[in-house]
Amino acid sequence: MSDNCEIIVDPQFVELSDYDPVNKSFLAKNDNQEWFLVKENGQILKTQFNNPSIVASGIIQDINIRSKGVSFEFYNIFLQRIVNLKIVNVAISEESPILIRSNEGIYYFMTVCGIVFDSNGYEMAFPFVSDYTWVKVGVEWKRLNKEGDVVAVMNDGEIITKEINGKVLRRNKNTTLIEIYNCHENAAERSIPNSAYTVLSEIFGRISALNAYQFQIDGKFYVWSEGYLIESMKPILRCKISKRKIFISNIDNISFELICDGKSIGILNKRNSDDTFFCIYSMDNGDEIAYYKTKAGTWYLYNLNTKKYSRLLSSIEMHSVRDRTAKAIVAKNINGNYILMDSNFEIVAEYEGIKTTTNKKYFRILKNSKYGLITFSGKTVIEAIYDSLNYYTINN
């Protein structure tokens, strides 16, 4: 339906993809397992897709499962095939262009318009996490902008990280040292001491949507993230999404030290030595909340600011807003009820069910098999007296 609740396409599909707001279309499947591209103006285009999804604005990925394995194919919004390659996987960065790799190990970039930068591809390439990235062709590294234009060429070093804030780490071919390289000035800013045989490992946790790398030299540990080099005297186990960009280092079996910009800002304690740390969230009031899983399978929360633990819980959900700041905590009690808690783990509301609405502005609640609506702070918007409550928008 339109915003005015006028029917654009009559109900006839059993499955819908996410909406493509740029091209105003979505994918739909009927009872016969046939896929269609449905435009916002009501136009329905039949496809030959097997298992499609919209992976970026204007780019559709279709998965074919054959006897020799899985093949990924890509099409634009006009159902024209973009690349005539056997694709083994696709690496999607936060922003377009999309980086893909063929079965032969060659890298390619596709734009949202379905344009492939270089039909010959690249031996190595990093995904875009800013306005520029680096690719390797022969012995040269080339810096590309988002239109695919070459803006700089390097032949005296090997790029080893993504470009973030105009900087990369590279290994100098002449000295074999790792250097912090300023891409805007085409010059090395400094070398990392004794780094001739250093191997970087990527940390599989993200800070502000950008990956980080760590390495060790002469007993010191380093993390490279967002164009900055952070030093630590302790091994950095992982980094997780947090408004304050926190790194976590191991101290002993029951506690972790929190490191931000290379400085210790506090200790995060487990209840038991064999509990598993999972994540840290920044609440919108500034509190930092970590949650753990026990060996018995229950969960609990820990507030770094107040040094307080929550009760044991069956499950935990953190509901966030765009800047990755958690706005509410929903958990399941041992007795099976859902509870809404503040950052100090006080129960604000308790119902048979609490589930975020489609627009992520409210919670749909279930009480005595009836539905209602509350805010993230627990204020009642609609009493739980209705048999169904399926959608909620700002206008209605």
Protein backbone atom coordinates (compact mmCIF):
# COMPACT_ATOMS: atom_id res chain seq x y z
CA MET A 1 0.00 0.00 0.00
CA SER A 2 0.96 3.66 -0.38
CA ASP A 3 1.44 6.06 2.52
CA ASN A 4 -2.23 6.98 2.06
CA CYS A 5 -3.22 3.29 2.45
CA GLU A 6 -4.16 2.96 -1.22
CA ILE A 7 -3.59 -0.57 -2.54
CA ILE A 8 -0.82 -0.61 -5.15
CA VAL A 9 -0.51 -4.37 -5.62
CA ASP A 10 -3.26 -6.80 -4.58
CA PRO A 11 -2.29 -9.50 -2.05
CA GLN A 12 -0.90 -12.40 -4.07
CA PHE A 13 2.57 -13.17 -2.63
CA VAL A 14 3.77 -15.41 0.18
CA GLU A 15 7.17 -13.75 0.75
CA LEU A 16 8.60 -10.23 0.37
CA SER A 17 12.18 -8.94 0.49
CA ASP A 18 13.36 -5.76 2.16
CA TYR A 19 12.24 -2.60 0.38
CA ASP A 20 14.73 -0.84 -1.93
CA PRO A 21 14.02 2.86 -1.15
CA VAL A 22 16.25 4.24 -3.92
CA ASN A 23 14.68 2.25 -6.75
CA LYS A 24 11.30 1.96 -4.99
CA SER A 25 10.88 -1.77 -5.48
CA PHE A 26 11.01 -5.12 -3.73
CA LEU A 27 11.20 -8.82 -4.53
CA ALA A 28 8.16 -11.07 -4.05
CA LYS A 29 7.51 -14.82 -4.28
CA ASN A 30 4.18 -16.50 -5.09
CA ASP A 31 2.71 -19.90 -4.17
CA ASN A 32 4.46 -21.51 -7.15
CA GLN A 33 7.87 -20.42 -5.80
CA GLU A 34 8.24 -17.91 -8.66
CA TRP A 35 10.04 -14.63 -7.95
CA PHE A 36 8.97 -11.20 -9.22
CA LEU A 37 10.34 -7.69 -9.07
CA VAL A 38 7.52 -5.41 -7.90
CA LYS A 39 7.78 -1.67 -8.52
CA GLU A 40 6.16 0.96 -6.32
CA ASN A 41 3.97 2.00 -9.26
CA GLY A 42 2.41 -1.48 -9.31
CA GLN A 43 4.43 -2.92 -12.18
CA ILE A 44 5.23 -6.62 -11.68
CA LEU A 45 8.19 -8.11 -13.56
CA LYS A 46 8.65 -11.87 -13.64
CA THR A 47 12.20 -13.15 -13.08
CA GLN A 48 14.13 -16.39 -13.38
CA PHE A 49 15.64 -15.99 -9.93
CA ASN A 50 16.15 -18.95 -7.61
CA ASN A 51 16.94 -17.37 -4.24
CA PRO A 52 17.30 -13.60 -4.67
CA SER A 53 17.88 -10.73 -2.26
CA ILE A 54 18.50 -7.00 -2.61
CA VAL A 55 22.06 -6.58 -1.32
CA ALA A 56 22.38 -2.86 -2.12
CA SER A 57 20.26 -0.17 -3.70
CA GLY A 58 19.84 -1.29 -7.31
CA ILE A 59 21.75 -4.58 -6.98
CA ILE A 60 20.07 -7.97 -6.70
CA GLN A 61 22.00 -11.08 -5.70
CA ASP A 62 20.69 -14.48 -6.79
CA ILE A 63 22.02 -17.73 -5.33
CA ASN A 64 22.17 -20.87 -7.46
CA ILE A 65 22.92 -24.18 -5.79
CA ARG A 66 24.48 -26.64 -8.22
CA SER A 67 26.30 -29.96 -7.94
CA LYS A 68 29.65 -28.14 -8.00
CA GLY A 69 28.69 -25.74 -5.25
CA VAL A 70 27.00 -22.41 -4.72
CA SER A 71 27.13 -19.66 -7.35
CA PHE A 72 26.28 -16.00 -6.75
CA GLU A 73 24.94 -13.93 -9.66
CA PHE A 74 24.24 -10.22 -9.71
CA TYR A 75 21.61 -8.18 -11.55
CA ASN A 76 20.59 -4.54 -11.72
CA ILE A 77 17.10 -3.25 -11.09
CA PHE A 78 16.24 -3.75 -14.79
CA LEU A 79 16.93 -7.50 -14.35
CA GLN A 80 20.05 -7.26 -16.52
CA ARG A 81 22.97 -9.40 -15.37
CA ILE A 82 25.79 -7.17 -14.14
CA VAL A 83 28.76 -9.54 -14.17
CA ASN A 84 29.17 -12.71 -16.19
CA LEU A 85 31.32 -14.43 -13.57
CA LYS A 86 31.15 -17.34 -11.21
CA ILE A 87 31.19 -15.58 -7.87
CA VAL A 88 32.34 -17.48 -4.80
CA ASN A 89 31.38 -14.83 -2.25
CA VAL A 90 30.49 -11.18 -1.80
CA ALA A 91 31.97 -8.85 0.80
CA ILE A 92 29.56 -6.03 1.48
CA SER A 93 31.03 -2.98 3.19
CA GLU A 94 28.99 -0.37 4.98
CA GLU A 95 28.93 1.69 1.81
CA SER A 96 28.83 1.05 -1.92
CA PRO A 97 30.64 0.10 -4.15
CA ILE A 98 30.40 -3.58 -3.31
CA LEU A 99 33.52 -5.75 -3.39
CA ILE A 100 33.12 -9.25 -4.86
CA ARG A 101 35.55 -12.09 -5.50
CA SER A 102 35.34 -14.63 -8.32
CA ASN A 103 36.08 -18.35 -8.06
CA GLU A 104 39.46 -17.59 -9.64
CA GLY A 105 40.35 -15.28 -6.75
CA ILE A 106 40.03 -12.05 -8.76
CA TYR A 107 38.38 -9.06 -7.05
CA TYR A 108 35.84 -6.71 -8.64
CA PHE A 109 33.87 -3.65 -7.56
CA MET A 110 30.22 -3.03 -8.47
CA THR A 111 28.37 0.24 -7.99
CA VAL A 112 24.71 0.59 -7.07
CA CYS A 113 24.07 1.35 -10.74
CA GLY A 114 25.48 -2.02 -11.73
CA ILE A 115 28.75 -0.64 -13.11
CA VAL A 116 31.87 -2.83 -12.77
CA PHE A 117 35.00 -0.73 -12.26
CA ASP A 118 37.48 -2.84 -14.24
CA SER A 119 36.40 -5.92 -16.18
CA ASN A 120 39.91 -7.38 -15.69
CA GLY A 121 39.57 -7.15 -11.91
CA TYR A 122 42.30 -6.87 -9.28
CA GLU A 123 44.69 -9.31 -7.62
CA MET A 124 43.81 -7.85 -4.21
CA ALA A 125 41.37 -5.19 -3.04
CA PHE A 126 40.03 -3.77 0.21
CA PRO A 127 36.36 -2.81 0.61
CA PHE A 128 35.36 0.85 0.80
CA VAL A 129 34.94 2.09 4.35
CA SER A 130 35.54 5.72 3.35
CA ASP A 131 35.70 7.65 0.07
CA TYR A 132 38.79 5.75 -1.13
CA THR A 133 40.24 2.26 -1.22
CA TRP A 134 43.35 0.45 -2.51
CA VAL A 135 43.65 -2.31 -5.12
CA LYS A 136 46.63 -4.29 -6.41
CA VAL A 137 47.47 -4.68 -10.11
CA GLY A 138 50.75 -6.44 -10.80
CA VAL A 139 53.44 -4.87 -8.62
CA GLU A 140 51.50 -1.63 -8.15
CA TRP A 141 48.91 -0.57 -5.63
CA LYS A 142 46.32 1.90 -6.90
CA ARG A 143 44.12 4.20 -4.88
CA LEU A 144 40.55 4.42 -6.23
CA ASN A 145 37.70 6.79 -5.56
CA LYS A 146 34.08 5.67 -5.54
CA GLU A 147 33.78 6.29 -9.28
CA GLY A 148 36.60 3.84 -9.95
CA ASP A 149 39.13 6.52 -10.97
CA VAL A 150 42.80 5.99 -10.07
CA VAL A 151 43.92 8.96 -7.95
CA ALA A 152 47.31 7.64 -6.76
CA VAL A 153 49.78 4.84 -7.52
CA MET A 154 52.24 3.15 -5.13
CA ASN A 155 55.00 0.69 -6.05
CA ASP A 156 57.29 0.83 -3.01
CA GLY A 157 54.96 -0.74 -0.44
CA GLU A 158 52.30 -3.37 0.25
CA ILE A 159 48.99 -2.15 1.66
CA ILE A 160 47.90 -4.35 4.57
CA THR A 161 44.79 -2.59 5.97
CA LYS A 162 41.71 -0.77 4.76
CA GLU A 163 42.00 3.00 4.33
CA ILE A 164 40.39 4.76 7.29
CA ASN A 165 40.46 8.52 7.82
CA GLY A 166 42.95 8.84 4.97
CA LYS A 167 45.48 6.45 6.49
CA VAL A 168 46.57 2.85 6.01
CA LEU A 169 49.22 0.54 7.36
CA ARG A 170 51.63 -0.62 4.71
CA ARG A 171 54.83 -2.67 4.63
CA ASN A 172 57.72 -0.79 3.03
CA LYS A 173 59.28 -2.99 0.33
CA ASN A 174 62.76 -1.54 0.92
CA THR A 175 62.93 -1.63 4.73
CA THR A 176 60.22 -4.34 5.32
CA LEU A 177 59.00 -2.19 8.23
CA ILE A 178 55.30 -1.48 8.79
CA GLU A 179 54.52 2.19 8.29
CA ILE A 180 51.61 4.51 8.99
CA TYR A 181 50.97 5.94 5.54
CA ASN A 182 49.14 9.21 4.89
CA CYS A 183 47.24 8.63 1.64
CA HIS A 184 46.41 12.30 1.09
CA GLU A 185 50.05 13.36 1.26
CA ASN A 186 51.43 10.15 -0.33
CA ALA A 187 53.99 9.87 2.45
CA ALA A 188 54.84 7.67 5.43
CA GLU A 189 54.27 9.38 8.79
CA ARG A 190 56.25 6.96 10.96
CA SER A 191 57.55 3.41 11.13
CA ILE A 192 56.58 0.91 13.79
CA PRO A 193 59.77 -0.25 15.56
CA ASN A 194 60.98 -3.83 15.02
CA SER A 195 58.10 -4.61 12.69
CA ALA A 196 60.03 -6.40 9.97
CA TYR A 197 58.43 -9.77 10.72
CA THR A 198 55.15 -8.60 12.22
CA VAL A 199 51.97 -10.22 10.95
CA LEU A 200 48.70 -8.40 11.45
CA SER A 201 45.54 -10.26 12.45
CA GLU A 202 42.09 -8.78 12.00
CA ILE A 203 39.91 -8.56 15.09
CA PHE A 204 36.46 -9.91 14.30
CA GLY A 205 34.51 -7.34 16.22
CA ARG A 206 33.70 -3.87 15.01
CA ILE A 207 34.07 -0.39 16.40
CA SER A 208 31.87 2.25 14.77
CA ALA A 209 31.35 -0.20 11.88
CA LEU A 210 35.08 -0.27 11.04
CA ASN A 211 37.27 -3.35 11.49
CA ALA A 212 40.36 -3.20 13.67
CA TYR A 213 43.72 -4.97 13.46
CA GLN A 214 46.09 -6.04 16.20
CA PHE A 215 49.73 -7.14 16.37
CA GLN A 216 52.48 -7.63 18.95
CA ILE A 217 56.03 -6.31 19.00
CA ASP A 218 58.55 -6.91 21.80
CA GLY A 219 55.94 -7.56 24.47
CA LYS A 220 53.75 -4.61 23.47
CA PHE A 221 50.35 -5.01 21.86
CA TYR A 222 49.02 -2.65 19.21
CA VAL A 223 45.60 -2.05 17.71
CA TRP A 224 45.10 -0.15 14.49
CA SER A 225 41.59 1.29 14.17
CA GLU A 226 40.04 4.32 12.48
CA GLY A 227 43.42 5.63 11.41
CA TYR A 228 44.89 5.54 14.92
CA LEU A 229 47.52 3.32 16.52
CA ILE A 230 46.68 2.30 20.10
CA GLU A 231 49.27 0.67 22.38
CA SER A 232 48.57 -1.70 25.26
CA MET A 233 50.78 -3.69 27.62
CA LYS A 234 48.21 -6.53 27.67
CA PRO A 235 46.84 -8.71 24.87
CA ILE A 236 43.67 -7.29 23.36
CA LEU A 237 41.18 -10.12 23.02
CA ARG A 238 38.36 -8.43 21.15
CA CYS A 239 36.63 -5.17 20.40
CA LYS A 240 32.89 -4.74 20.36
CA ILE A 241 30.44 -2.08 19.23
CA SER A 242 30.32 0.62 21.88
CA LYS A 243 29.81 4.36 21.78
CA ARG A 244 33.07 4.81 23.67
CA LYS A 245 35.08 2.52 21.36
CA ILE A 246 36.24 0.16 24.09
CA PHE A 247 38.92 -2.49 23.71
CA ILE A 248 38.88 -5.40 26.15
CA SER A 249 42.08 -6.95 27.46
CA ASN A 250 42.39 -10.13 29.48
CA ILE A 251 43.68 -9.78 33.07
CA ASP A 252 42.68 -13.07 34.71
CA ASN A 253 39.89 -15.62 34.54
CA ILE A 254 37.23 -13.45 36.12
CA SER A 255 37.85 -9.87 35.00
CA PHE A 256 38.64 -7.77 31.93
CA GLU A 257 40.35 -4.41 31.71
CA LEU A 258 38.67 -1.82 29.51
CA ILE A 259 41.03 0.21 27.34
CA CYS A 260 39.96 3.30 25.43
CA ASP A 261 42.50 5.25 23.35
CA GLY A 262 45.28 3.26 25.01
CA LYS A 263 44.24 4.15 28.58
CA SER A 264 42.67 1.90 31.20
CA ILE A 265 39.23 3.11 32.26
CA GLY A 266 38.09 0.35 34.56
CA ILE A 267 37.65 -3.33 35.37
CA LEU A 268 34.75 -5.44 34.13
CA ASN A 269 34.09 -8.40 36.42
CA LYS A 270 32.50 -11.77 35.82
CA ARG A 271 30.44 -13.49 38.50
CA ASN A 272 32.13 -16.84 37.82
CA SER A 273 35.44 -17.69 36.18
CA ASP A 274 33.82 -19.84 33.49
CA ASP A 275 31.19 -17.25 32.44
CA THR A 276 31.42 -16.13 28.80
CA PHE A 277 31.61 -12.42 27.97
CA PHE A 278 29.54 -11.49 24.92
CA CYS A 279 29.22 -7.76 24.34
CA ILE A 280 29.23 -4.20 25.66
CA TYR A 281 26.58 -1.58 24.91
CA SER A 282 26.52 2.14 25.64
CA MET A 283 23.15 3.15 27.04
CA ASP A 284 21.71 6.51 26.04
CA ASN A 285 22.26 7.79 29.62
CA GLY A 286 26.02 7.08 29.37
CA ASP A 287 26.12 3.80 31.31
CA GLU A 288 28.22 0.99 29.86
CA ILE A 289 26.48 -2.40 30.05
CA ALA A 290 28.12 -5.78 29.49
CA TYR A 291 26.36 -9.11 29.33
CA TYR A 292 27.52 -12.62 30.06
CA LYS A 293 26.35 -16.19 29.67
CA THR A 294 26.88 -18.71 32.45
CA LYS A 295 27.93 -22.31 32.02
CA ALA A 296 24.37 -23.31 32.99
CA GLY A 297 22.98 -21.36 30.01
CA THR A 298 21.52 -18.39 31.89
CA TRP A 299 22.44 -14.74 31.26
CA TYR A 300 23.15 -11.67 33.37
CA LEU A 301 24.14 -8.03 32.89
CA TYR A 302 26.84 -5.93 34.56
CA ASN A 303 26.82 -2.11 34.80
CA LEU A 304 30.40 -0.86 34.63
CA ASN A 305 29.44 2.56 36.06
CA THR A 306 27.47 1.39 39.10
CA LYS A 307 29.33 -1.96 39.52
CA LYS A 308 25.96 -3.71 39.74
CA TYR A 309 24.85 -7.13 38.43
CA SER A 310 21.40 -7.98 37.17
CA ARG A 311 19.46 -11.06 38.23
CA LEU A 312 19.91 -14.29 36.25
CA LEU A 313 17.90 -14.24 33.01
CA SER A 314 16.80 -16.70 30.34
CA SER A 315 17.61 -14.32 27.46
CA ILE A 316 18.58 -10.70 26.81
CA GLU A 317 17.86 -8.24 23.98
CA MET A 318 19.38 -4.76 23.63
CA HIS A 319 17.25 -2.37 21.57
CA SER A 320 19.33 0.31 19.90
CA VAL A 321 18.99 3.46 17.87
CA ARG A 322 21.02 4.59 14.87
CA ASP A 323 24.16 5.71 16.70
CA ARG A 324 24.40 2.21 18.25
CA THR A 325 23.46 3.58 21.66
CA ALA A 326 21.19 1.09 23.44
CA LYS A 327 17.89 2.67 24.40
CA ALA A 328 16.22 -0.19 26.25
CA ILE A 329 16.91 -3.62 27.74
CA VAL A 330 14.40 -6.42 27.27
CA ALA A 331 15.05 -9.75 29.00
CA LYS A 332 13.22 -12.97 29.72
CA ASN A 333 12.83 -13.97 33.35
CA ILE A 334 13.51 -17.47 34.60
CA ASN A 335 9.71 -17.77 35.03
CA GLY A 336 9.20 -17.12 31.30
CA ASN A 337 7.87 -13.55 31.43
CA TYR A 338 9.46 -10.69 29.50
CA ILE A 339 10.71 -7.69 31.46
CA LEU A 340 11.73 -4.18 30.42
CA MET A 341 14.65 -2.88 32.51
CA ASP A 342 16.50 0.40 32.89
CA SER A 343 20.31 0.57 32.87
CA ASN A 344 20.41 -0.08 36.63
CA PHE A 345 18.41 -3.30 36.02
CA GLU A 346 15.25 -2.10 37.77
CA ILE A 347 12.12 -3.66 36.22
CA VAL A 348 10.08 -1.00 34.42
CA ALA A 349 7.44 -3.34 32.97
CA GLU A 350 6.66 -7.05 32.89
CA TYR A 351 4.43 -8.83 30.32
CA GLU A 352 3.93 -12.18 28.63
CA GLY A 353 5.60 -10.71 25.57
CA ILE A 354 7.56 -7.56 24.66
CA LYS A 355 8.58 -7.06 21.03
CA THR A 356 9.84 -3.98 19.21
CA THR A 357 7.59 -2.53 16.49
CA THR A 358 8.60 -2.33 12.83
CA ASN A 359 9.63 1.32 13.10
CA LYS A 360 11.66 0.50 16.27
CA LYS A 361 9.94 3.31 18.19
CA TYR A 362 7.74 1.32 20.57
CA PHE A 363 7.18 -2.11 22.09
CA ARG A 364 4.20 -4.30 21.31
CA ILE A 365 3.17 -6.02 24.55
CA LEU A 366 1.17 -9.17 25.27
CA LYS A 367 -0.92 -9.50 28.45
CA ASN A 368 -3.59 -12.15 29.06
CA SER A 369 -3.45 -12.97 25.31
CA LYS A 370 -4.27 -9.33 24.45
CA TYR A 371 -2.01 -6.81 22.70
CA GLY A 372 -1.05 -3.24 23.49
CA LEU A 373 1.75 -0.72 23.01
CA ILE A 374 4.31 0.92 25.34
CA THR A 375 7.24 3.29 24.93
CA PHE A 376 10.89 2.32 25.46
CA SER A 377 10.61 3.77 28.98
CA GLY A 378 7.56 1.61 29.75
CA LYS A 379 4.82 4.25 29.42
CA THR A 380 1.52 2.80 28.17
CA VAL A 381 0.46 4.09 24.74
CA ILE A 382 -2.29 1.53 24.00
CA GLU A 383 -3.77 -0.66 26.71
CA ALA A 384 -3.34 -4.42 26.22
CA ILE A 385 -7.01 -5.07 25.37
CA TYR A 386 -6.88 -5.91 21.65
CA ASP A 387 -6.88 -9.27 19.87
CA SER A 388 -4.18 -8.12 17.40
CA LEU A 389 -1.80 -5.22 16.92
CA ASN A 390 0.27 -5.75 13.80
CA TYR A 391 1.74 -2.42 12.72
CA TYR A 392 2.33 1.02 14.09
CA THR A 393 3.52 4.15 12.23
CA ILE A 394 4.22 7.72 13.27
CA ASN A 395 1.16 8.96 11.37
CA ASN A 396 -1.28 6.30 12.54
